[in-house]
């Protein structure tokens, strides 16, 4: 059973990121309690992958740039 974030609550478009696809695929089918941890620092989003015991990261600001826009760096 793969669940996704509802479009009304996914204002940043995270549901389409590969990172969250990996996290969803690693979730057990019989989840009864929260297992995944999320943390942010500046523009970085850190997600704990409990199946592989690893931390996945994504720059959420850069991930949300539309293809026709250019990311501005400092």
PDB file of N, CA and C in Angstrom:
ATOM      1  N   UNK A   1       0.850  -1.179   0.000  1.00  0.00           N
ATOM      2  CA  UNK A   1       0.000   0.000   0.000  1.00  0.00           C
ATOM      3  C   UNK A   1       0.892   1.237   0.000  1.00  0.00           C
ATOM      4  N   UNK A   2       0.868   1.980  -1.075  1.00  0.00           N
ATOM      5  CA  UNK A   2       1.665   3.190  -1.166  1.00  0.00           C
ATOM      6  C   UNK A   2       0.745   4.382  -1.007  1.00  0.00           C
ATOM      7  N   UNK A   3       1.005   5.200  -0.004  1.00  0.00           N
ATOM      8  CA  UNK A   3       0.193   6.396   0.193  1.00  0.00           C
ATOM      9  C   UNK A   3       1.011   7.610  -0.203  1.00  0.00           C
ATOM     10  N   UNK A   4       0.324   8.644  -0.591  1.00  0.00           N
ATOM     11  CA  UNK A   4       0.991   9.879  -0.984  1.00  0.00           C
ATOM     12  C   UNK A   4       0.401  11.032  -0.200  1.00  0.00           C
ATOM     13  N   UNK A   5       1.135  12.119  -0.186  1.00  0.00           N
ATOM     14  CA  UNK A   5       0.674  13.332   0.473  1.00  0.00           C
ATOM     15  C   UNK A   5      -0.412  13.949  -0.396  1.00  0.00           C
ATOM     16  N   UNK A   6      -1.508  14.369   0.198  1.00  0.00           N
ATOM     17  CA  UNK A   6      -2.575  15.008  -0.553  1.00  0.00           C
ATOM     18  C   UNK A   6      -2.110  16.312  -1.187  1.00  0.00           C
ATOM     19  N   UNK A   7      -2.616  16.622  -2.367  1.00  0.00           N
ATOM     20  CA  UNK A   7      -2.172  17.818  -3.080  1.00  0.00           C
ATOM     21  C   UNK A   7      -2.472  19.101  -2.310  1.00  0.00           C
ATOM     22  N   UNK A   8      -3.505  19.089  -1.475  1.00  0.00           N
ATOM     23  CA  UNK A   8      -3.824  20.299  -0.712  1.00  0.00           C
ATOM     24  C   UNK A   8      -2.849  20.525   0.440  1.00  0.00           C
ATOM     25  N   UNK A   9      -2.155  19.479   0.884  1.00  0.00           N
ATOM     26  CA  UNK A   9      -1.188  19.622   1.977  1.00  0.00           C
ATOM     27  C   UNK A   9       0.254  19.562   1.489  1.00  0.00           C
ATOM     28  N   UNK A  10       0.472  19.340   0.212  1.00  0.00           N
ATOM     29  CA  UNK A  10       1.817  19.222  -0.357  1.00  0.00           C
ATOM     30  C   UNK A  10       2.167  20.481  -1.141  1.00  0.00           C
ATOM     31  N   UNK A  11       2.205  21.616  -0.455  1.00  0.00           N
ATOM     32  CA  UNK A  11       2.429  22.895  -1.133  1.00  0.00           C
ATOM     33  C   UNK A  11       3.831  23.028  -1.717  1.00  0.00           C
ATOM     34  N   UNK A  12       4.790  22.259  -1.227  1.00  0.00           N
ATOM     35  CA  UNK A  12       6.153  22.319  -1.759  1.00  0.00           C
ATOM     36  C   UNK A  12       6.399  21.286  -2.856  1.00  0.00           C
ATOM     37  N   UNK A  13       5.453  20.424  -3.129  1.00  0.00           N
ATOM     38  CA  UNK A  13       5.614  19.419  -4.174  1.00  0.00           C
ATOM     39  C   UNK A  13       6.558  18.290  -3.798  1.00  0.00           C
ATOM     40  N   UNK A  14       6.682  17.999  -2.510  1.00  0.00           N
ATOM     41  CA  UNK A  14       7.593  16.952  -2.050  1.00  0.00           C
ATOM     42  C   UNK A  14       7.181  15.562  -2.528  1.00  0.00           C
ATOM     43  N   UNK A  15       5.904  15.352  -2.746  1.00  0.00           N
ATOM     44  CA  UNK A  15       5.424  14.036  -3.143  1.00  0.00           C
ATOM     45  C   UNK A  15       6.083  13.547  -4.429  1.00  0.00           C
ATOM     46  N   UNK A  16       6.474  14.458  -5.295  1.00  0.00           N
ATOM     47  CA  UNK A  16       7.102  14.085  -6.557  1.00  0.00           C
ATOM     48  C   UNK A  16       8.600  13.868  -6.478  1.00  0.00           C
ATOM     49  N   UNK A  17       9.209  14.109  -5.320  1.00  0.00           N
ATOM     50  CA  UNK A  17      10.654  13.942  -5.178  1.00  0.00           C
ATOM     51  C   UNK A  17      11.023  12.475  -5.019  1.00  0.00           C
ATOM     52  N   UNK A  18      12.123  12.078  -5.635  1.00  0.00           N
ATOM     53  CA  UNK A  18      12.620  10.704  -5.540  1.00  0.00           C
ATOM     54  C   UNK A  18      12.852  10.304  -4.082  1.00  0.00           C
ATOM     55  N   UNK A  19      13.313  11.235  -3.257  1.00  0.00           N
ATOM     56  CA  UNK A  19      13.583  10.968  -1.846  1.00  0.00           C
ATOM     57  C   UNK A  19      12.356  10.379  -1.159  1.00  0.00           C
ATOM     58  N   UNK A  20      11.196  10.957  -1.367  1.00  0.00           N
ATOM     59  CA  UNK A  20       9.987  10.475  -0.705  1.00  0.00           C
ATOM     60  C   UNK A  20       9.464   9.184  -1.326  1.00  0.00           C
ATOM     61  N   UNK A  21       9.757   8.955  -2.592  1.00  0.00           N
ATOM     62  CA  UNK A  21       9.424   7.667  -3.204  1.00  0.00           C
ATOM     63  C   UNK A  21      10.223   6.552  -2.518  1.00  0.00           C
ATOM     64  N   UNK A  22      11.503   6.798  -2.277  1.00  0.00           N
ATOM     65  CA  UNK A  22      12.353   5.817  -1.591  1.00  0.00           C
ATOM     66  C   UNK A  22      11.841   5.567  -0.179  1.00  0.00           C
ATOM     67  N   UNK A  23      11.510   6.634   0.542  1.00  0.00           N
ATOM     68  CA  UNK A  23      11.016   6.486   1.915  1.00  0.00           C
ATOM     69  C   UNK A  23       9.710   5.698   1.937  1.00  0.00           C
ATOM     70  N   UNK A  24       8.785   6.001   1.035  1.00  0.00           N
ATOM     71  CA  UNK A  24       7.513   5.264   0.985  1.00  0.00           C
ATOM     72  C   UNK A  24       7.740   3.782   0.705  1.00  0.00           C
ATOM     73  N   UNK A  25       8.678   3.477  -0.210  1.00  0.00           N
ATOM     74  CA  UNK A  25       8.955   2.080  -0.549  1.00  0.00           C
ATOM     75  C   UNK A  25       9.588   1.315   0.610  1.00  0.00           C
ATOM     76  N   UNK A  26      10.244   2.011   1.516  1.00  0.00           N
ATOM     77  CA  UNK A  26      10.915   1.361   2.646  1.00  0.00           C
ATOM     78  C   UNK A  26      10.013   1.193   3.865  1.00  0.00           C
ATOM     79  N   UNK A  27       8.840   1.767   3.834  1.00  0.00           N
ATOM     80  CA  UNK A  27       7.937   1.649   4.980  1.00  0.00           C
ATOM     81  C   UNK A  27       7.351   0.246   5.066  1.00  0.00           C
ATOM     82  N   UNK A  28       7.227  -0.299   6.264  1.00  0.00           N
ATOM     83  CA  UNK A  28       6.579  -1.608   6.409  1.00  0.00           C
ATOM     84  C   UNK A  28       5.077  -1.484   6.135  1.00  0.00           C
ATOM     85  N   UNK A  29       4.473  -2.581   5.736  1.00  0.00           N
ATOM     86  CA  UNK A  29       3.035  -2.573   5.439  1.00  0.00           C
ATOM     87  C   UNK A  29       2.185  -2.402   6.687  1.00  0.00           C
ATOM     88  N   UNK A  30       2.658  -2.893   7.809  1.00  0.00           N
ATOM     89  CA  UNK A  30       1.879  -2.847   9.050  1.00  0.00           C
ATOM     90  C   UNK A  30       2.414  -1.786  10.011  1.00  0.00           C
ATOM     91  N   UNK A  31       2.447  -0.553   9.557  1.00  0.00           N
ATOM     92  CA  UNK A  31       2.983   0.509  10.416  1.00  0.00           C
ATOM     93  C   UNK A  31       1.939   0.916  11.449  1.00  0.00           C
ATOM     94  N   UNK A  32       2.358   0.859  12.691  1.00  0.00           N
ATOM     95  CA  UNK A  32       1.470   1.210  13.794  1.00  0.00           C
ATOM     96  C   UNK A  32       1.970   2.425  14.550  1.00  0.00           C
ATOM     97  N   UNK A  33       3.193   2.819  14.274  1.00  0.00           N
ATOM     98  CA  UNK A  33       3.753   3.986  14.961  1.00  0.00           C
ATOM     99  C   UNK A  33       4.694   4.713  14.007  1.00  0.00           C
ATOM    100  N   UNK A  34       4.969   5.938  14.316  1.00  0.00           N
ATOM    101  CA  UNK A  34       5.860   6.740  13.490  1.00  0.00           C
ATOM    102  C   UNK A  34       7.269   6.181  13.545  1.00  0.00           C
ATOM    103  N   UNK A  35       7.894   6.048  12.381  1.00  0.00           N
ATOM    104  CA  UNK A  35       9.242   5.504  12.323  1.00  0.00           C
ATOM    105  C   UNK A  35      10.224   6.440  11.643  1.00  0.00           C
ATOM    106  N   UNK A  36       9.753   7.343  10.842  1.00  0.00           N
ATOM    107  CA  UNK A  36      10.650   8.188  10.073  1.00  0.00           C
ATOM    108  C   UNK A  36      10.796   9.548  10.726  1.00  0.00           C
ATOM    109  N   UNK A  37      11.994  10.039  10.689  1.00  0.00           N
ATOM    110  CA  UNK A  37      12.291  11.347  11.257  1.00  0.00           C
ATOM    111  C   UNK A  37      12.640  12.311  10.141  1.00  0.00           C
ATOM    112  N   UNK A  38      12.165  13.536  10.270  1.00  0.00           N
ATOM    113  CA  UNK A  38      12.473  14.610   9.330  1.00  0.00           C
ATOM    114  C   UNK A  38      13.122  15.739  10.097  1.00  0.00           C
ATOM    115  N   UNK A  39      14.104  16.367   9.481  1.00  0.00           N
ATOM    116  CA  UNK A  39      14.771  17.514  10.095  1.00  0.00           C
ATOM    117  C   UNK A  39      15.166  18.467   8.979  1.00  0.00           C
ATOM    118  N   UNK A  40      15.153  19.744   9.273  1.00  0.00           N
ATOM    119  CA  UNK A  40      15.599  20.729   8.295  1.00  0.00           C
ATOM    120  C   UNK A  40      16.700  21.586   8.885  1.00  0.00           C
ATOM    121  N   UNK A  41      17.580  22.019   8.028  1.00  0.00           N
ATOM    122  CA  UNK A  41      18.638  22.969   8.387  1.00  0.00           C
ATOM    123  C   UNK A  41      18.839  23.830   7.159  1.00  0.00           C
ATOM    124  N   UNK A  42      18.514  25.105   7.293  1.00  0.00           N
ATOM    125  CA  UNK A  42      18.550  26.028   6.161  1.00  0.00           C
ATOM    126  C   UNK A  42      17.677  25.467   5.038  1.00  0.00           C
ATOM    127  N   UNK A  43      18.247  25.217   3.864  1.00  0.00           N
ATOM    128  CA  UNK A  43      17.475  24.717   2.723  1.00  0.00           C
ATOM    129  C   UNK A  43      17.537  23.200   2.584  1.00  0.00           C
ATOM    130  N   UNK A  44      18.182  22.534   3.518  1.00  0.00           N
ATOM    131  CA  UNK A  44      18.358  21.085   3.423  1.00  0.00           C
ATOM    132  C   UNK A  44      17.299  20.356   4.249  1.00  0.00           C
ATOM    133  N   UNK A  45      16.750  19.318   3.671  1.00  0.00           N
ATOM    134  CA  UNK A  45      15.794  18.449   4.351  1.00  0.00           C
ATOM    135  C   UNK A  45      16.478  17.098   4.544  1.00  0.00           C
ATOM    136  N   UNK A  46      16.509  16.621   5.783  1.00  0.00           N
ATOM    137  CA  UNK A  46      17.131  15.346   6.127  1.00  0.00           C
ATOM    138  C   UNK A  46      16.030  14.374   6.531  1.00  0.00           C
ATOM    139  N   UNK A  47      16.055  13.176   5.961  1.00  0.00           N
ATOM    140  CA  UNK A  47      15.038  12.166   6.230  1.00  0.00           C
ATOM    141  C   UNK A  47      15.735  10.866   6.613  1.00  0.00           C
ATOM    142  N   UNK A  48      15.339  10.291   7.744  1.00  0.00           N
ATOM    143  CA  UNK A  48      15.897   9.020   8.188  1.00  0.00           C
ATOM    144  C   UNK A  48      15.198   7.871   7.471  1.00  0.00           C
ATOM    145  N   UNK A  49      15.986   7.012   6.840  1.00  0.00           N
ATOM    146  CA  UNK A  49      15.480   5.819   6.177  1.00  0.00           C
ATOM    147  C   UNK A  49      15.743   4.648   7.116  1.00  0.00           C
ATOM    148  N   UNK A  50      14.715   4.200   7.823  1.00  0.00           N
ATOM    149  CA  UNK A  50      14.891   3.172   8.853  1.00  0.00           C
ATOM    150  C   UNK A  50      15.220   1.798   8.277  1.00  0.00           C
ATOM    151  N   UNK A  51      14.795   1.512   7.071  1.00  0.00           N
ATOM    152  CA  UNK A  51      15.071   0.201   6.475  1.00  0.00           C
ATOM    153  C   UNK A  51      16.555   0.034   6.176  1.00  0.00           C
ATOM    154  N   UNK A  52      17.169   1.066   5.628  1.00  0.00           N
ATOM    155  CA  UNK A  52      18.582   1.000   5.246  1.00  0.00           C
ATOM    156  C   UNK A  52      19.498   1.664   6.263  1.00  0.00           C
ATOM    157  N   UNK A  53      18.935   2.154   7.353  1.00  0.00           N
ATOM    158  CA  UNK A  53      19.720   2.862   8.387  1.00  0.00           C
ATOM    159  C   UNK A  53      20.606   3.935   7.761  1.00  0.00           C
ATOM    160  N   UNK A  54      19.976   4.809   7.003  1.00  0.00           N
ATOM    161  CA  UNK A  54      20.721   5.875   6.333  1.00  0.00           C
ATOM    162  C   UNK A  54      19.926   7.174   6.374  1.00  0.00           C
ATOM    163  N   UNK A  55      20.616   8.261   6.137  1.00  0.00           N
ATOM    164  CA  UNK A  55      19.986   9.577   6.079  1.00  0.00           C
ATOM    165  C   UNK A  55      19.954  10.017   4.622  1.00  0.00           C
ATOM    166  N   UNK A  56      18.780  10.383   4.149  1.00  0.00           N
ATOM    167  CA  UNK A  56      18.610  10.907   2.799  1.00  0.00           C
ATOM    168  C   UNK A  56      18.488  12.419   2.899  1.00  0.00           C
ATOM    169  N   UNK A  57      19.061  13.128   1.948  1.00  0.00           N
ATOM    170  CA  UNK A  57      18.997  14.590   1.984  1.00  0.00           C
ATOM    171  C   UNK A  57      18.561  15.137   0.633  1.00  0.00           C
ATOM    172  N   UNK A  58      17.940  16.297   0.686  1.00  0.00           N
ATOM    173  CA  UNK A  58      17.575  17.013  -0.531  1.00  0.00           C
ATOM    174  C   UNK A  58      17.565  18.504  -0.204  1.00  0.00           C
ATOM    175  N   UNK A  59      18.020  19.301  -1.137  1.00  0.00           N
ATOM    176  CA  UNK A  59      17.907  20.748  -1.019  1.00  0.00           C
ATOM    177  C   UNK A  59      16.506  21.090  -1.519  1.00  0.00           C
ATOM    178  N   UNK A  60      15.597  21.326  -0.591  1.00  0.00           N
ATOM    179  CA  UNK A  60      14.191  21.497  -0.975  1.00  0.00           C
ATOM    180  C   UNK A  60      13.964  22.754  -1.801  1.00  0.00           C
ATOM    181  N   UNK A  61      14.744  23.777  -1.581  1.00  0.00           N
ATOM    182  CA  UNK A  61      14.558  25.007  -2.356  1.00  0.00           C
ATOM    183  C   UNK A  61      14.948  24.780  -3.818  1.00  0.00           C
ATOM    184  N   UNK A  62      16.076  24.120  -4.049  1.00  0.00           N
ATOM    185  CA  UNK A  62      16.522  23.837  -5.414  1.00  0.00           C
ATOM    186  C   UNK A  62      15.616  22.810  -6.084  1.00  0.00           C
ATOM    187  N   UNK A  63      15.069  21.882  -5.316  1.00  0.00           N
ATOM    188  CA  UNK A  63      14.202  20.848  -5.880  1.00  0.00           C
ATOM    189  C   UNK A  63      12.886  21.424  -6.377  1.00  0.00           C
ATOM    190  N   UNK A  64      12.482  22.575  -5.863  1.00  0.00           N
ATOM    191  CA  UNK A  64      11.209  23.172  -6.247  1.00  0.00           C
ATOM    192  C   UNK A  64      11.317  24.194  -7.366  1.00  0.00           C
ATOM    193  N   UNK A  65      12.519  24.389  -7.890  1.00  0.00           N
ATOM    194  CA  UNK A  65      12.691  25.334  -8.993  1.00  0.00           C
ATOM    195  C   UNK A  65      12.098  24.717 -10.251  1.00  0.00           C
ATOM    196  N   UNK A  66      11.251  25.466 -10.917  1.00  0.00           N
ATOM    197  CA  UNK A  66      10.647  24.992 -12.154  1.00  0.00           C
ATOM    198  C   UNK A  66      11.727  24.881 -13.224  1.00  0.00           C
ATOM    199  N   UNK A  67      11.503  24.009 -14.193  1.00  0.00           N
ATOM    200  CA  UNK A  67      12.510  23.770 -15.228  1.00  0.00           C
ATOM    201  C   UNK A  67      12.839  25.025 -16.030  1.00  0.00           C
ATOM    202  N   UNK A  68      11.879  25.921 -16.197  1.00  0.00           N
ATOM    203  CA  UNK A  68      12.129  27.133 -16.970  1.00  0.00           C
ATOM    204  C   UNK A  68      12.728  28.258 -16.127  1.00  0.00           C
ATOM    205  N   UNK A  69      12.854  28.050 -14.819  1.00  0.00           N
ATOM    206  CA  UNK A  69      13.474  29.040 -13.943  1.00  0.00           C
ATOM    207  C   UNK A  69      14.913  28.642 -13.673  1.00  0.00           C
ATOM    208  N   UNK A  70      15.693  29.600 -13.246  1.00  0.00           N
ATOM    209  CA  UNK A  70      17.072  29.322 -12.911  1.00  0.00           C
ATOM    210  C   UNK A  70      17.267  29.475 -11.416  1.00  0.00           C
ATOM    211  N   UNK A  71      18.002  28.543 -10.813  1.00  0.00           N
ATOM    212  CA  UNK A  71      18.312  28.628  -9.385  1.00  0.00           C
ATOM    213  C   UNK A  71      19.381  29.691  -9.175  1.00  0.00           C
ATOM    214  N   UNK A  72      19.139  30.591  -8.233  1.00  0.00           N
ATOM    215  CA  UNK A  72      20.112  31.631  -7.922  1.00  0.00           C
ATOM    216  C   UNK A  72      20.944  31.167  -6.737  1.00  0.00           C
ATOM    217  N   UNK A  73      22.249  31.273  -6.877  1.00  0.00           N
ATOM    218  CA  UNK A  73      23.170  30.861  -5.822  1.00  0.00           C
ATOM    219  C   UNK A  73      23.889  32.071  -5.285  1.00  0.00           C
ATOM    220  N   UNK A  74      24.306  32.000  -4.023  1.00  0.00           N
ATOM    221  CA  UNK A  74      25.083  33.082  -3.433  1.00  0.00           C
ATOM    222  C   UNK A  74      26.522  32.673  -3.353  1.00  0.00           C
TER     223      UNK A  74
END
